[in-house]
Every structure is written in C-alpha cells, then in structure tokens.
Amino acid sequence: MAAANRQVQDFNSHVGDDFYDARLTEPEETKKIIENLLLSFLSDVANGKNPSMELISRSGGNVLRDRDGTVHLGKAKTVKRLFSNSGAGSKSFVKIWQVLSLIYQLLDEGKVVTQREAYYCLVQQFKNQNEFNSILQDVVALTQCARRSLGICASGSGYIAGLVLWKEDGAVPYDCSVSESGKQIPGIVDKLTFAALGARYILVVEKDAIFNNLCRQKFWETLPCVIITGCGYPPLSVRAVTRKLSESLQVPVLGLFDYNPHGMGILLTYKFGSTRMGTESHAFAVDVKWLGVHYYDIFDSTNDSCKVTEDVLQPWSPSDEKTYSGLCTALKEYVNPFYHRELRLMQKRVKAEIEAIPSLKETILHKIHNKIYY
C-alpha cells in the first residue's frame, strides 16, 4: 500500500496550476467521478435539457509545454452533447458512455485489462482500435483520471536487456543480462521495481533489429548499460519503464534513432511526451540525450561529403515531409541549439537507417566516451 501511495504521489506531483493533467485515483474515487457524471446526465434529462459533458480540449491550440519542453494540455475545454448538429458528435457522446460503463464494471470487479482487450469487449460498437483509442482519450480528458486508474493499461510491446534486475510484485527477480533476446515489457508495470547490476547508462534504441544485434553481442559486457526498445514509436508501457528505470538507476539515458524526421519524432516522444496522449503525457517524459544518428554521422563535417555508401541514403517520403513540418512546430520554443541545427541540416531531405553506420558498436562507444550527445 505504501508503494502504491508513492506511485500516486509521484504521478500527481507533475500536475501544475497552468495545466490540466490526468492524475492517479483510487478505484472508489474513480467510480464516484463516473457516478457524478451519470447524475449530471440524468439531471439534464429530467430538466428537459440536452445532455452534455465538458472535456479538456485535445486540440493543438490547447497544447502547452513547461520549461523543460514536456507536453501538457491547458485549461481550454470542449463540450459534447447528446443531440448535436453533427451526427458524429452524437455518436461520440454515446461511445464515451459505453466506455465509461465498461470502466465502471472493471473497477467494480477489480480487474485490469489491456487497451486491446478493452476494445474487444466493445468491438461491436467501434469501427476499429484507433476509434476506441480516441474515445478512451476523450474519457481521460473528461474524468482527468489516468488510464491506469480506469482499469486499462497499455498493451505490452517492447523489450529490455542488460545490467538490471527486474522485480515484479511476488515474482522471482529476473536478471536481464542472461538472455540474448531480452525480456518483453508487459502492459502492466505499476508494481515493477529495479535493482542496479552496475549499469552506467540506459541506451534507448528505436528498432528491435538494432536491439537484437546489440543483445547477441551482449553489448552490456563492453559498455555497462541497460538497453530498451519500443520497436518504433514507443507504447506507454515502454515509456513508463524507461521513466522508472531512469529514476531508479540515476544514470544518463541515451537515445539512438534513425536519421530521418520519424527518428527525431520518436526521440521527442520519449523526451517530451506526445500531444496524442494529452493529459497523461507529462508523467512518462524522460530526459533522453540524443546519441544519434546525427547529420555528421552521415556527412563529413568539413566538406559535407557522404561518409557512408550513398546507396543507403533514401529520399524523403510524403510522410517524412509531414513529420518534419510537425517537428519544426514542436521545437519552435525549445532552446537547445543542437536540435535546431539538426532540423536545418535535415533540409537536405535524405534519410538513413541506424544500420547505415559502419562499425556501429565502435561508433556508439566513441560517441559516449567523447560525450557526443545532446
């Protein structure tokens, strides 16, 4: 119970006066919030009013950043009504209540399910997982309760390996350095703790292919570290583990991502959170230092000639162009000059994967030894 109380305090300590951030609540408090919403709905019906609900706006205009650049939502709100001029608005209102009903049932039964499992509980009511995910974010914005307080957790997707002891409540501790394939990160990580085994760094890598390569080499025997991957854009469980691990080990967190706008976007998701996560984003941000891939890992710093074989360079896709535009907006107020330099140099509009770097292991060691990370 004491550990659970500490988790609630740690999560809620990020809530600021200028932000509307989701918070951790106990099941009975969460149920009470839903009951009050139901009473308000019934009161509207009894008084002949059009039932409505007020949510924190998740629009781009309501996205704020604190002094560290971490994403929050501001105080602007939006109203959803049962009867609206938009048929989509009415459907959204109904679907929010369908999710609230499921959540109340989960809390009443003391159950926790993954977001995927929750979707399949209501699969007849939703077109796809993405629609369910969006409505769930509306529920978080409505109740201001973190998903963990709603009986729903992220689906497990991601891996960890290296010099750390993984300890789950009631389970035998697992030494993450014994396997060459890593340990899969589950969706529920609330009761997870770590014990240090000599790691001096946490290395976050974008892709599972690079993770697997480093694991096969037992890279932590060369560089004392823990390696984590979210297999692309990281799910919430991977971000939560990275945050917990950073706070537990108190060592630098370094990130290795593809040289393209999406790679930089993944870095910023770890570092600042994502606007899509809205009110929950702040609680999982971690100060990842950008180890690479940088422009000058690909091009010579004196004459801009290519340092890698040119056949590994690819032109940007329309998706890269769109992501780059979003990065320029997201970093507009971030003061680190290195990030702005990299954004400017990216205008060459070519991309390269991590695998393009020759002698990757030696490159990582060289950059860490010389502190070439930002």
Foldseek 3Di string as FASTA:
>chain_A
DVLLVVVQCLQCVPDDPFFLFFGADALVVLLVLLVVLVVQQVVCVVVVHFRKAKFQDLDPVQWDADPQLATAGGDDIDMQTCDDPDPVSNLLVVVLVVLSVVLNVCSVVVAAEELVVSCVVVVVSDPDSVVSLLSVLRNCRRSSHDVVNSRYFHAWAKFKAAFKWKDAPPDDIDGRLPDLQGDTQGRDCSRIAIDGRDAQEEEEEAASVVVSVCSNVSLCVVHVYMYMYCHFQRIPRSLQVVVRVCVRPVHAYEYEFWFALSRVVSVCCQAHNDSSSHNSGRSRHDHYWYLDDFQCLQAPPPPRHGPFPPVQKDADDVVRVVSLVVVCVSCVPPDDVVVVVRSVVCVVRIIGGLVRRPPSSVSSVVCVVVVVID
